[in-house]
C-alpha cells in the first residue's frame, strides 16, 4: 500500500476513535463517506482508485513535466508542455502500469512496467523490462523485455536492465 494511502487510513481511524471523546468534534463514519467537522473525505472507492496524477518530474531544462495519469484504466505516461499547458499521452498500456519514469536529459524518458495495485505493493511479477520514449511520443523503444515476454519465449534466465542515472555534465 502506498505511504499516502496508509497515512490517510491512519488519520481516518485515529479521528474516528478520538471522536468518541467529548473534547473532539464529532465524526460520522459510514462506508460511503467520512465527515469531520463539515469536511467530507473521499469515499472508499475514491480513496482506492488510481490517483489523477502519480509520478511528477520536471525535464532537465524545466520546459516539460512528465506525469503518470490514468489512461485506459492504468497509470500511463503523459508529458505536459509547461509553456502552452498542453499535455500529450505517450503510452496506452491496458495490462500494466508505468512505473519509475525518469527523464534522460530533456528529450527522452525511460520507464518500467508493473502492477501498481498489487496487494504487496508495486509489483513487477510479469512486468519489468526497460522502455524509452521521446517526450513527443515519436520514438519509443524496448530496451529490455518484460518478464511476461521472457517466459513466453521459454527463457529461464532474466538479464534485465535497470536505469540508474543519467551522466553528469562537467
Foldseek 3Di string as FASTA:
>chain_A
DDPVLVVVVVVLVVLQVCLVDPVAAHWDDDQAWIAGPNDIDHHPVVSPADDQWDDWDAAPVRQKIWTFGDALRETFIKMAGPVVRDIDTQDHDNPWHWPDWDHQHRWKIKTWTFHQPDPVGTGLPQIGFMKMATNVNPDIDTPAGRNVVCVVVVHPDGPGDDDDDHDDDD
